[in-house]
Amino acid sequence: MNENIENMLEELKEKFPKNVYQKLSLRIFDNNGKDYSVDDEFQEKLFNTIYISCGTNLVKIYKDKYNTFYIHTSVYIERKDLAIIGKALSIVAKRLSKIEFE
């Protein structure tokens, strides 16, 4: 992983208690639709989409060709997980804003 993605994962791990962090799941995709896990080599400038899930709650952050970002959820976020998803979104957004995209 690249520096900004690594920092994002580290900050998520640092900001959440272990039991909450273990509930979080991230999937990252590049412009070609290839997905990456934490240990894969990933060129962050090719970032296209990240899925953040916590339990049954799923949020998608993706960018268009103009590097405009969209946040989408196709399910209702459960009240008990709203703060977790909001905090995770904040951390992810902060790190994505530091990437120099192609």
PDB file of N, CA and C in Angstrom:
ATOM      1  N   MET A   1       0.839  -1.182   0.000  1.00  0.00           N
ATOM      2  CA  MET A   1       0.000   0.000   0.000  1.00  0.00           C
ATOM      3  C   MET A   1       0.884   1.245   0.000  1.00  0.00           C
ATOM      4  N   ASN A   2       0.302   2.335  -0.423  1.00  0.00           N
ATOM      5  CA  ASN A   2       1.022   3.594  -0.458  1.00  0.00           C
ATOM      6  C   ASN A   2       0.870   4.351   0.855  1.00  0.00           C
ATOM      7  N   GLU A   3       1.635   5.418   0.986  1.00  0.00           N
ATOM      8  CA  GLU A   3       1.718   6.148   2.247  1.00  0.00           C
ATOM      9  C   GLU A   3       0.358   6.624   2.756  1.00  0.00           C
ATOM     10  N   ASN A   4      -0.441   7.261   1.925  1.00  0.00           N
ATOM     11  CA  ASN A   4      -1.732   7.780   2.394  1.00  0.00           C
ATOM     12  C   ASN A   4      -2.694   6.668   2.782  1.00  0.00           C
ATOM     13  N   ILE A   5      -2.694   5.584   2.029  1.00  0.00           N
ATOM     14  CA  ILE A   5      -3.565   4.450   2.352  1.00  0.00           C
ATOM     15  C   ILE A   5      -3.079   3.787   3.638  1.00  0.00           C
ATOM     16  N   GLU A   6      -1.757   3.603   3.773  1.00  0.00           N
ATOM     17  CA  GLU A   6      -1.211   3.025   4.997  1.00  0.00           C
ATOM     18  C   GLU A   6      -1.548   3.896   6.203  1.00  0.00           C
ATOM     19  N   ASN A   7      -1.404   5.212   6.052  1.00  0.00           N
ATOM     20  CA  ASN A   7      -1.720   6.133   7.148  1.00  0.00           C
ATOM     21  C   ASN A   7      -3.203   6.073   7.506  1.00  0.00           C
ATOM     22  N   MET A   8      -4.047   5.920   6.500  1.00  0.00           N
ATOM     23  CA  MET A   8      -5.479   5.803   6.739  1.00  0.00           C
ATOM     24  C   MET A   8      -5.776   4.559   7.578  1.00  0.00           C
ATOM     25  N   LEU A   9      -5.184   3.438   7.198  1.00  0.00           N
ATOM     26  CA  LEU A   9      -5.414   2.195   7.933  1.00  0.00           C
ATOM     27  C   LEU A   9      -4.878   2.290   9.358  1.00  0.00           C
ATOM     28  N   GLU A  10      -3.721   2.900   9.514  1.00  0.00           N
ATOM     29  CA  GLU A  10      -3.139   3.074  10.851  1.00  0.00           C
ATOM     30  C   GLU A  10      -4.010   3.973  11.727  1.00  0.00           C
ATOM     31  N   GLU A  11      -4.510   5.066  11.124  1.00  0.00           N
ATOM     32  CA  GLU A  11      -5.352   5.977  11.904  1.00  0.00           C
ATOM     33  C   GLU A  11      -6.663   5.311  12.313  1.00  0.00           C
ATOM     34  N   LEU A  12      -7.248   4.534  11.422  1.00  0.00           N
ATOM     35  CA  LEU A  12      -8.464   3.799  11.768  1.00  0.00           C
ATOM     36  C   LEU A  12      -8.190   2.854  12.940  1.00  0.00           C
ATOM     37  N   LYS A  13      -7.071   2.155  12.866  1.00  0.00           N
ATOM     38  CA  LYS A  13      -6.712   1.206  13.924  1.00  0.00           C
ATOM     39  C   LYS A  13      -6.472   1.926  15.249  1.00  0.00           C
ATOM     40  N   GLU A  14      -5.868   3.114  15.162  1.00  0.00           N
ATOM     41  CA  GLU A  14      -5.552   3.895  16.361  1.00  0.00           C
ATOM     42  C   GLU A  14      -6.796   4.528  16.997  1.00  0.00           C
ATOM     43  N   LYS A  15      -7.738   4.991  16.169  1.00  0.00           N
ATOM     44  CA  LYS A  15      -8.880   5.763  16.669  1.00  0.00           C
ATOM     45  C   LYS A  15     -10.038   4.917  17.186  1.00  0.00           C
ATOM     46  N   PHE A  16     -10.056   3.642  16.810  1.00  0.00           N
ATOM     47  CA  PHE A  16     -11.156   2.781  17.239  1.00  0.00           C
ATOM     48  C   PHE A  16     -10.665   1.730  18.220  1.00  0.00           C
ATOM     49  N   PRO A  17     -11.511   1.379  19.185  1.00  0.00           N
ATOM     50  CA  PRO A  17     -11.162   0.244  20.045  1.00  0.00           C
ATOM     51  C   PRO A  17     -11.022  -1.014  19.183  1.00  0.00           C
ATOM     52  N   LYS A  18     -10.240  -1.964  19.645  1.00  0.00           N
ATOM     53  CA  LYS A  18      -9.961  -3.177  18.868  1.00  0.00           C
ATOM     54  C   LYS A  18     -11.226  -3.888  18.399  1.00  0.00           C
ATOM     55  N   ASN A  19     -12.216  -4.003  19.289  1.00  0.00           N
ATOM     56  CA  ASN A  19     -13.440  -4.722  18.916  1.00  0.00           C
ATOM     57  C   ASN A  19     -14.222  -3.997  17.820  1.00  0.00           C
ATOM     58  N   VAL A  20     -14.146  -2.671  17.775  1.00  0.00           N
ATOM     59  CA  VAL A  20     -14.822  -1.900  16.724  1.00  0.00           C
ATOM     60  C   VAL A  20     -14.006  -1.956  15.440  1.00  0.00           C
ATOM     61  N   TYR A  21     -12.686  -1.778  15.552  1.00  0.00           N
ATOM     62  CA  TYR A  21     -11.819  -1.820  14.369  1.00  0.00           C
ATOM     63  C   TYR A  21     -11.956  -3.157  13.644  1.00  0.00           C
ATOM     64  N   GLN A  22     -12.086  -4.240  14.395  1.00  0.00           N
ATOM     65  CA  GLN A  22     -12.222  -5.560  13.786  1.00  0.00           C
ATOM     66  C   GLN A  22     -13.534  -5.719  13.029  1.00  0.00           C
ATOM     67  N   LYS A  23     -14.543  -4.897  13.358  1.00  0.00           N
ATOM     68  CA  LYS A  23     -15.821  -4.938  12.637  1.00  0.00           C
ATOM     69  C   LYS A  23     -15.762  -4.177  11.314  1.00  0.00           C
ATOM     70  N   LEU A  24     -14.784  -3.257  11.202  1.00  0.00           N
ATOM     71  CA  LEU A  24     -14.655  -2.462   9.977  1.00  0.00           C
ATOM     72  C   LEU A  24     -14.017  -3.284   8.865  1.00  0.00           C
ATOM     73  N   SER A  25     -14.510  -3.088   7.667  1.00  0.00           N
ATOM     74  CA  SER A  25     -13.930  -3.743   6.505  1.00  0.00           C
ATOM     75  C   SER A  25     -13.787  -2.704   5.399  1.00  0.00           C
ATOM     76  N   LEU A  26     -12.631  -2.706   4.730  1.00  0.00           N
ATOM     77  CA  LEU A  26     -12.373  -1.780   3.625  1.00  0.00           C
ATOM     78  C   LEU A  26     -12.005  -2.567   2.380  1.00  0.00           C
ATOM     79  N   ARG A  27     -12.584  -2.184   1.247  1.00  0.00           N
ATOM     80  CA  ARG A  27     -12.197  -2.742  -0.054  1.00  0.00           C
ATOM     81  C   ARG A  27     -11.904  -1.573  -0.972  1.00  0.00           C
ATOM     82  N   ILE A  28     -10.746  -1.601  -1.582  1.00  0.00           N
ATOM     83  CA  ILE A  28     -10.293  -0.503  -2.429  1.00  0.00           C
ATOM     84  C   ILE A  28     -10.187  -1.001  -3.862  1.00  0.00           C
ATOM     85  N   PHE A  29     -10.653  -0.173  -4.800  1.00  0.00           N
ATOM     86  CA  PHE A  29     -10.612  -0.514  -6.222  1.00  0.00           C
ATOM     87  C   PHE A  29      -9.883   0.580  -6.988  1.00  0.00           C
ATOM     88  N   ASP A  30      -9.177   0.177  -8.061  1.00  0.00           N
ATOM     89  CA  ASP A  30      -8.513   1.163  -8.913  1.00  0.00           C
ATOM     90  C   ASP A  30      -9.395   1.507 -10.106  1.00  0.00           C
ATOM     91  N   ASN A  31      -8.873   2.332 -11.012  1.00  0.00           N
ATOM     92  CA  ASN A  31      -9.635   2.774 -12.183  1.00  0.00           C
ATOM     93  C   ASN A  31     -10.036   1.630 -13.110  1.00  0.00           C
ATOM     94  N   ASN A  32      -9.341   0.494 -13.026  1.00  0.00           N
ATOM     95  CA  ASN A  32      -9.647  -0.655 -13.876  1.00  0.00           C
ATOM     96  C   ASN A  32     -10.580  -1.657 -13.208  1.00  0.00           C
ATOM     97  N   GLY A  33     -11.049  -1.340 -12.000  1.00  0.00           N
ATOM     98  CA  GLY A  33     -11.964  -2.231 -11.301  1.00  0.00           C
ATOM     99  C   GLY A  33     -11.280  -3.331 -10.510  1.00  0.00           C
ATOM    100  N   LYS A  34      -9.935  -3.339 -10.466  1.00  0.00           N
ATOM    101  CA  LYS A  34      -9.208  -4.348  -9.690  1.00  0.00           C
ATOM    102  C   LYS A  34      -9.294  -3.982  -8.217  1.00  0.00           C
ATOM    103  N   ASP A  35      -9.570  -4.979  -7.371  1.00  0.00           N
ATOM    104  CA  ASP A  35      -9.646  -4.684  -5.944  1.00  0.00           C
ATOM    105  C   ASP A  35      -8.355  -5.074  -5.246  1.00  0.00           C
ATOM    106  N   TYR A  36      -8.118  -4.397  -4.131  1.00  0.00           N
ATOM    107  CA  TYR A  36      -6.878  -4.553  -3.381  1.00  0.00           C
ATOM    108  C   TYR A  36      -7.175  -4.778  -1.920  1.00  0.00           C
ATOM    109  N   SER A  37      -6.346  -5.606  -1.321  1.00  0.00           N
ATOM    110  CA  SER A  37      -6.431  -5.789   0.127  1.00  0.00           C
ATOM    111  C   SER A  37      -5.269  -5.041   0.762  1.00  0.00           C
ATOM    112  N   VAL A  38      -5.191  -5.093   2.052  1.00  0.00           N
ATOM    113  CA  VAL A  38      -4.199  -4.334   2.806  1.00  0.00           C
ATOM    114  C   VAL A  38      -2.769  -4.661   2.368  1.00  0.00           C
ATOM    115  N   ASP A  39      -2.484  -5.896   2.022  1.00  0.00           N
ATOM    116  CA  ASP A  39      -1.120  -6.298   1.714  1.00  0.00           C
ATOM    117  C   ASP A  39      -0.746  -6.191   0.237  1.00  0.00           C
ATOM    118  N   ASP A  40      -1.671  -5.842  -0.626  1.00  0.00           N
ATOM    119  CA  ASP A  40      -1.390  -5.753  -2.063  1.00  0.00           C
ATOM    120  C   ASP A  40      -0.668  -4.456  -2.413  1.00  0.00           C
ATOM    121  N   GLU A  41       0.115  -4.502  -3.498  1.00  0.00           N
ATOM    122  CA  GLU A  41       0.723  -3.290  -4.042  1.00  0.00           C
ATOM    123  C   GLU A  41      -0.366  -2.495  -4.732  1.00  0.00           C
ATOM    124  N   PHE A  42      -0.462  -1.234  -4.399  1.00  0.00           N
ATOM    125  CA  PHE A  42      -1.532  -0.399  -4.936  1.00  0.00           C
ATOM    126  C   PHE A  42      -0.980   0.977  -5.248  1.00  0.00           C
ATOM    127  N   GLN A  43      -1.213   1.457  -6.464  1.00  0.00           N
ATOM    128  CA  GLN A  43      -0.810   2.805  -6.827  1.00  0.00           C
ATOM    129  C   GLN A  43      -1.981   3.729  -6.498  1.00  0.00           C
ATOM    130  N   GLU A  44      -1.834   4.460  -5.405  1.00  0.00           N
ATOM    131  CA  GLU A  44      -2.968   5.234  -4.911  1.00  0.00           C
ATOM    132  C   GLU A  44      -3.439   6.296  -5.889  1.00  0.00           C
ATOM    133  N   LYS A  45      -2.589   6.762  -6.801  1.00  0.00           N
ATOM    134  CA  LYS A  45      -3.029   7.762  -7.773  1.00  0.00           C
ATOM    135  C   LYS A  45      -4.061   7.178  -8.739  1.00  0.00           C
ATOM    136  N   LEU A  46      -4.181   5.840  -8.767  1.00  0.00           N
ATOM    137  CA  LEU A  46      -5.185   5.178  -9.607  1.00  0.00           C
ATOM    138  C   LEU A  46      -6.454   4.840  -8.832  1.00  0.00           C
ATOM    139  N   PHE A  47      -6.548   5.324  -7.582  1.00  0.00           N
ATOM    140  CA  PHE A  47      -7.721   5.056  -6.738  1.00  0.00           C
ATOM    141  C   PHE A  47      -9.012   5.436  -7.454  1.00  0.00           C
ATOM    142  N   ASN A  48     -10.022   4.585  -7.299  1.00  0.00           N
ATOM    143  CA  ASN A  48     -11.338   4.889  -7.853  1.00  0.00           C
ATOM    144  C   ASN A  48     -12.439   4.787  -6.801  1.00  0.00           C
ATOM    145  N   THR A  49     -12.436   3.712  -6.009  1.00  0.00           N
ATOM    146  CA  THR A  49     -13.547   3.453  -5.093  1.00  0.00           C
ATOM    147  C   THR A  49     -13.047   2.797  -3.809  1.00  0.00           C
ATOM    148  N   ILE A  50     -13.686   3.147  -2.719  1.00  0.00           N
ATOM    149  CA  ILE A  50     -13.463   2.422  -1.466  1.00  0.00           C
ATOM    150  C   ILE A  50     -14.823   2.124  -0.847  1.00  0.00           C
ATOM    151  N   TYR A  51     -14.976   0.896  -0.392  1.00  0.00           N
ATOM    152  CA  TYR A  51     -16.173   0.482   0.342  1.00  0.00           C
ATOM    153  C   TYR A  51     -15.789   0.359   1.808  1.00  0.00           C
ATOM    154  N   ILE A  52     -16.580   0.970   2.665  1.00  0.00           N
ATOM    155  CA  ILE A  52     -16.386   0.867   4.107  1.00  0.00           C
ATOM    156  C   ILE A  52     -17.611   0.148   4.649  1.00  0.00           C
ATOM    157  N   SER A  53     -17.386  -0.946   5.337  1.00  0.00           N
ATOM    158  CA  SER A  53     -18.533  -1.636   5.923  1.00  0.00           C
ATOM    159  C   SER A  53     -18.285  -1.890   7.399  1.00  0.00           C
ATOM    160  N   CYS A  54     -19.381  -1.881   8.118  1.00  0.00           N
ATOM    161  CA  CYS A  54     -19.382  -2.163   9.548  1.00  0.00           C
ATOM    162  C   CYS A  54     -20.664  -2.931   9.810  1.00  0.00           C
ATOM    163  N   GLY A  55     -20.532  -4.202  10.075  1.00  0.00           N
ATOM    164  CA  GLY A  55     -21.725  -5.032  10.213  1.00  0.00           C
ATOM    165  C   GLY A  55     -22.475  -5.077   8.892  1.00  0.00           C
ATOM    166  N   THR A  56     -23.753  -4.748   8.920  1.00  0.00           N
ATOM    167  CA  THR A  56     -24.554  -4.748   7.687  1.00  0.00           C
ATOM    168  C   THR A  56     -24.566  -3.385   7.000  1.00  0.00           C
ATOM    169  N   ASN A  57     -23.837  -2.419   7.539  1.00  0.00           N
ATOM    170  CA  ASN A  57     -23.816  -1.058   6.994  1.00  0.00           C
ATOM    171  C   ASN A  57     -22.695  -0.926   5.972  1.00  0.00           C
ATOM    172  N   LEU A  58     -23.019  -0.356   4.816  1.00  0.00           N
ATOM    173  CA  LEU A  58     -22.048  -0.228   3.739  1.00  0.00           C
ATOM    174  C   LEU A  58     -22.096   1.182   3.158  1.00  0.00           C
ATOM    175  N   VAL A  59     -20.916   1.799   3.026  1.00  0.00           N
ATOM    176  CA  VAL A  59     -20.792   3.121   2.429  1.00  0.00           C
ATOM    177  C   VAL A  59     -19.754   3.032   1.318  1.00  0.00           C
ATOM    178  N   LYS A  60     -20.046   3.662   0.210  1.00  0.00           N
ATOM    179  CA  LYS A  60     -19.152   3.675  -0.946  1.00  0.00           C
ATOM    180  C   LYS A  60     -18.701   5.112  -1.193  1.00  0.00           C
ATOM    181  N   ILE A  61     -17.373   5.306  -1.328  1.00  0.00           N
ATOM    182  CA  ILE A  61     -16.818   6.597  -1.738  1.00  0.00           C
ATOM    183  C   ILE A  61     -16.133   6.352  -3.072  1.00  0.00           C
ATOM    184  N   TYR A  62     -16.519   7.113  -4.075  1.00  0.00           N
ATOM    185  CA  TYR A  62     -15.901   6.925  -5.392  1.00  0.00           C
ATOM    186  C   TYR A  62     -15.705   8.274  -6.059  1.00  0.00           C
ATOM    187  N   LYS A  63     -14.805   8.293  -7.044  1.00  0.00           N
ATOM    188  CA  LYS A  63     -14.522   9.539  -7.742  1.00  0.00           C
ATOM    189  C   LYS A  63     -14.813   9.375  -9.225  1.00  0.00           C
ATOM    190  N   ASP A  64     -15.104  10.510  -9.867  1.00  0.00           N
ATOM    191  CA  ASP A  64     -15.318  10.485 -11.307  1.00  0.00           C
ATOM    192  C   ASP A  64     -14.030  10.907 -12.010  1.00  0.00           C
ATOM    193  N   LYS A  65     -14.089  11.048 -13.328  1.00  0.00           N
ATOM    194  CA  LYS A  65     -12.881  11.382 -14.097  1.00  0.00           C
ATOM    195  C   LYS A  65     -12.374  12.791 -13.809  1.00  0.00           C
ATOM    196  N   TYR A  66     -13.169  13.604 -13.148  1.00  0.00           N
ATOM    197  CA  TYR A  66     -12.760  14.969 -12.798  1.00  0.00           C
ATOM    198  C   TYR A  66     -12.270  15.052 -11.353  1.00  0.00           C
ATOM    199  N   ASN A  67     -12.092  13.890 -10.722  1.00  0.00           N
ATOM    200  CA  ASN A  67     -11.665  13.793  -9.332  1.00  0.00           C
ATOM    201  C   ASN A  67     -12.656  14.443  -8.365  1.00  0.00           C
ATOM    202  N   THR A  68     -13.918  14.372  -8.721  1.00  0.00           N
ATOM    203  CA  THR A  68     -14.999  14.772  -7.829  1.00  0.00           C
ATOM    204  C   THR A  68     -15.455  13.518  -7.088  1.00  0.00           C
ATOM    205  N   PHE A  69     -15.636  13.636  -5.782  1.00  0.00           N
ATOM    206  CA  PHE A  69     -15.980  12.470  -4.972  1.00  0.00           C
ATOM    207  C   PHE A  69     -17.465  12.419  -4.657  1.00  0.00           C
ATOM    208  N   TYR A  70     -17.958  11.203  -4.574  1.00  0.00           N
ATOM    209  CA  TYR A  70     -19.353  10.936  -4.231  1.00  0.00           C
ATOM    210  C   TYR A  70     -19.369   9.943  -3.076  1.00  0.00           C
ATOM    211  N   ILE A  71     -20.324  10.120  -2.194  1.00  0.00           N
ATOM    212  CA  ILE A  71     -20.513   9.189  -1.088  1.00  0.00           C
ATOM    213  C   ILE A  71     -21.912   8.619  -1.230  1.00  0.00           C
ATOM    214  N   HIS A  72     -21.999   7.289  -1.187  1.00  0.00           N
ATOM    215  CA  HIS A  72     -23.280   6.627  -1.422  1.00  0.00           C
ATOM    216  C   HIS A  72     -23.457   5.474  -0.438  1.00  0.00           C
ATOM    217  N   THR A  73     -24.651   5.328   0.025  1.00  0.00           N
ATOM    218  CA  THR A  73     -25.011   4.143   0.791  1.00  0.00           C
ATOM    219  C   THR A  73     -26.341   3.631   0.246  1.00  0.00           C
ATOM    220  N   SER A  74     -26.430   2.343   0.089  1.00  0.00           N
ATOM    221  CA  SER A  74     -27.654   1.775  -0.471  1.00  0.00           C
ATOM    222  C   SER A  74     -28.540   1.163   0.609  1.00  0.00           C
ATOM    223  N   VAL A  75     -28.089   1.252   1.844  1.00  0.00           N
ATOM    224  CA  VAL A  75     -28.876   0.729   2.958  1.00  0.00           C
ATOM    225  C   VAL A  75     -28.974   1.806   4.022  1.00  0.00           C
ATOM    226  N   TYR A  76     -29.925   1.642   4.893  1.00  0.00           N
ATOM    227  CA  TYR A  76     -30.011   2.535   6.038  1.00  0.00           C
ATOM    228  C   TYR A  76     -28.900   2.182   7.015  1.00  0.00           C
ATOM    229  N   ILE A  77     -28.273   3.191   7.565  1.00  0.00           N
ATOM    230  CA  ILE A  77     -27.232   2.942   8.555  1.00  0.00           C
ATOM    231  C   ILE A  77     -27.904   2.831   9.914  1.00  0.00           C
ATOM    232  N   GLU A  78     -27.616   1.747  10.607  1.00  0.00           N
ATOM    233  CA  GLU A  78     -28.202   1.525  11.916  1.00  0.00           C
ATOM    234  C   GLU A  78     -27.693   2.571  12.897  1.00  0.00           C
ATOM    235  N   ARG A  79     -28.561   3.026  13.756  1.00  0.00           N
ATOM    236  CA  ARG A  79     -28.223   4.078  14.704  1.00  0.00           C
ATOM    237  C   ARG A  79     -27.001   3.729  15.544  1.00  0.00           C
ATOM    238  N   LYS A  80     -26.886   2.485  15.949  1.00  0.00           N
ATOM    239  CA  LYS A  80     -25.760   2.080  16.789  1.00  0.00           C
ATOM    240  C   LYS A  80     -24.428   2.165  16.043  1.00  0.00           C
ATOM    241  N   ASP A  81     -24.448   2.143  14.731  1.00  0.00           N
ATOM    242  CA  ASP A  81     -23.217   2.195  13.942  1.00  0.00           C
ATOM    243  C   ASP A  81     -22.979   3.550  13.273  1.00  0.00           C
ATOM    244  N   LEU A  82     -23.890   4.483  13.445  1.00  0.00           N
ATOM    245  CA  LEU A  82     -23.780   5.780  12.775  1.00  0.00           C
ATOM    246  C   LEU A  82     -22.494   6.518  13.159  1.00  0.00           C
ATOM    247  N   ALA A  83     -22.158   6.564  14.430  1.00  0.00           N
ATOM    248  CA  ALA A  83     -20.943   7.258  14.871  1.00  0.00           C
ATOM    249  C   ALA A  83     -19.692   6.570  14.327  1.00  0.00           C
ATOM    250  N   ILE A  84     -19.699   5.248  14.282  1.00  0.00           N
ATOM    251  CA  ILE A  84     -18.548   4.507  13.756  1.00  0.00           C
ATOM    252  C   ILE A  84     -18.354   4.817  12.282  1.00  0.00           C
ATOM    253  N   ILE A  85     -19.431   4.734  11.507  1.00  0.00           N
ATOM    254  CA  ILE A  85     -19.347   5.002  10.060  1.00  0.00           C
ATOM    255  C   ILE A  85     -18.939   6.457   9.830  1.00  0.00           C
ATOM    256  N   GLY A  86     -19.506   7.382  10.580  1.00  0.00           N
ATOM    257  CA  GLY A  86     -19.160   8.797  10.424  1.00  0.00           C
ATOM    258  C   GLY A  86     -17.697   9.065  10.711  1.00  0.00           C
ATOM    259  N   LYS A  87     -17.177   8.481  11.766  1.00  0.00           N
ATOM    260  CA  LYS A  87     -15.766   8.666  12.129  1.00  0.00           C
ATOM    261  C   LYS A  87     -14.858   8.032  11.078  1.00  0.00           C
ATOM    262  N   ALA A  88     -15.215   6.851  10.606  1.00  0.00           N
ATOM    263  CA  ALA A  88     -14.427   6.185   9.557  1.00  0.00           C
ATOM    264  C   ALA A  88     -14.443   7.012   8.273  1.00  0.00           C
ATOM    265  N   LEU A  89     -15.610   7.556   7.907  1.00  0.00           N
ATOM    266  CA  LEU A  89     -15.707   8.407   6.711  1.00  0.00           C
ATOM    267  C   LEU A  89     -14.801   9.626   6.833  1.00  0.00           C
ATOM    268  N   SER A  90     -14.769  10.221   7.993  1.00  0.00           N
ATOM    269  CA  SER A  90     -13.937  11.398   8.217  1.00  0.00           C
ATOM    270  C   SER A  90     -12.451  11.080   8.023  1.00  0.00           C
ATOM    271  N   ILE A  91     -12.012   9.966   8.570  1.00  0.00           N
ATOM    272  CA  ILE A  91     -10.615   9.556   8.447  1.00  0.00           C
ATOM    273  C   ILE A  91     -10.280   9.229   7.001  1.00  0.00           C
ATOM    274  N   VAL A  92     -11.132   8.471   6.340  1.00  0.00           N
ATOM    275  CA  VAL A  92     -10.891   8.096   4.942  1.00  0.00           C
ATOM    276  C   VAL A  92     -10.862   9.337   4.061  1.00  0.00           C
ATOM    277  N   ALA A  93     -11.813  10.244   4.256  1.00  0.00           N
ATOM    278  CA  ALA A  93     -11.874  11.463   3.441  1.00  0.00           C
ATOM    279  C   ALA A  93     -10.625  12.314   3.628  1.00  0.00           C
ATOM    280  N   LYS A  94     -10.148  12.423   4.853  1.00  0.00           N
ATOM    281  CA  LYS A  94      -8.939  13.207   5.126  1.00  0.00           C
ATOM    282  C   LYS A  94      -7.748  12.641   4.362  1.00  0.00           C
ATOM    283  N   ARG A  95      -7.603  11.346   4.350  1.00  0.00           N
ATOM    284  CA  ARG A  95      -6.469  10.705   3.666  1.00  0.00           C
ATOM    285  C   ARG A  95      -6.619  10.757   2.148  1.00  0.00           C
ATOM    286  N   LEU A  96      -7.839  10.588   1.643  1.00  0.00           N
ATOM    287  CA  LEU A  96      -8.047  10.660   0.190  1.00  0.00           C
ATOM    288  C   LEU A  96      -7.745  12.054  -0.346  1.00  0.00           C
ATOM    289  N   SER A  97      -8.005  13.073   0.453  1.00  0.00           N
ATOM    290  CA  SER A  97      -7.777  14.443  -0.010  1.00  0.00           C
ATOM    291  C   SER A  97      -6.297  14.749  -0.184  1.00  0.00           C
ATOM    292  N   LYS A  98      -5.425  13.897   0.338  1.00  0.00           N
ATOM    293  CA  LYS A  98      -3.980  14.114   0.228  1.00  0.00           C
ATOM    294  C   LYS A  98      -3.346  13.382  -0.964  1.00  0.00           C
ATOM    295  N   ILE A  99      -4.129  12.600  -1.686  1.00  0.00           N
ATOM    296  CA  ILE A  99      -3.607  11.836  -2.816  1.00  0.00           C
ATOM    297  C   ILE A  99      -3.572  12.698  -4.071  1.00  0.00           C
ATOM    298  N   GLU A 100      -2.488  12.604  -4.812  1.00  0.00           N
ATOM    299  CA  GLU A 100      -2.366  13.273  -6.123  1.00  0.00           C
ATOM    300  C   GLU A 100      -2.850  12.283  -7.179  1.00  0.00           C
ATOM    301  N   PHE A 101      -4.054  12.497  -7.685  1.00  0.00           N
ATOM    302  CA  PHE A 101      -4.630  11.568  -8.660  1.00  0.00           C
ATOM    303  C   PHE A 101      -4.175  11.885 -10.070  1.00  0.00           C
ATOM    304  N   GLU A 102      -4.204  10.839 -10.927  1.00  0.00           N
ATOM    305  CA  GLU A 102      -3.882  11.042 -12.340  1.00  0.00           C
ATOM    306  C   GLU A 102      -4.999  11.744 -13.043  1.00  0.00           C
TER     307      GLU A 102
END
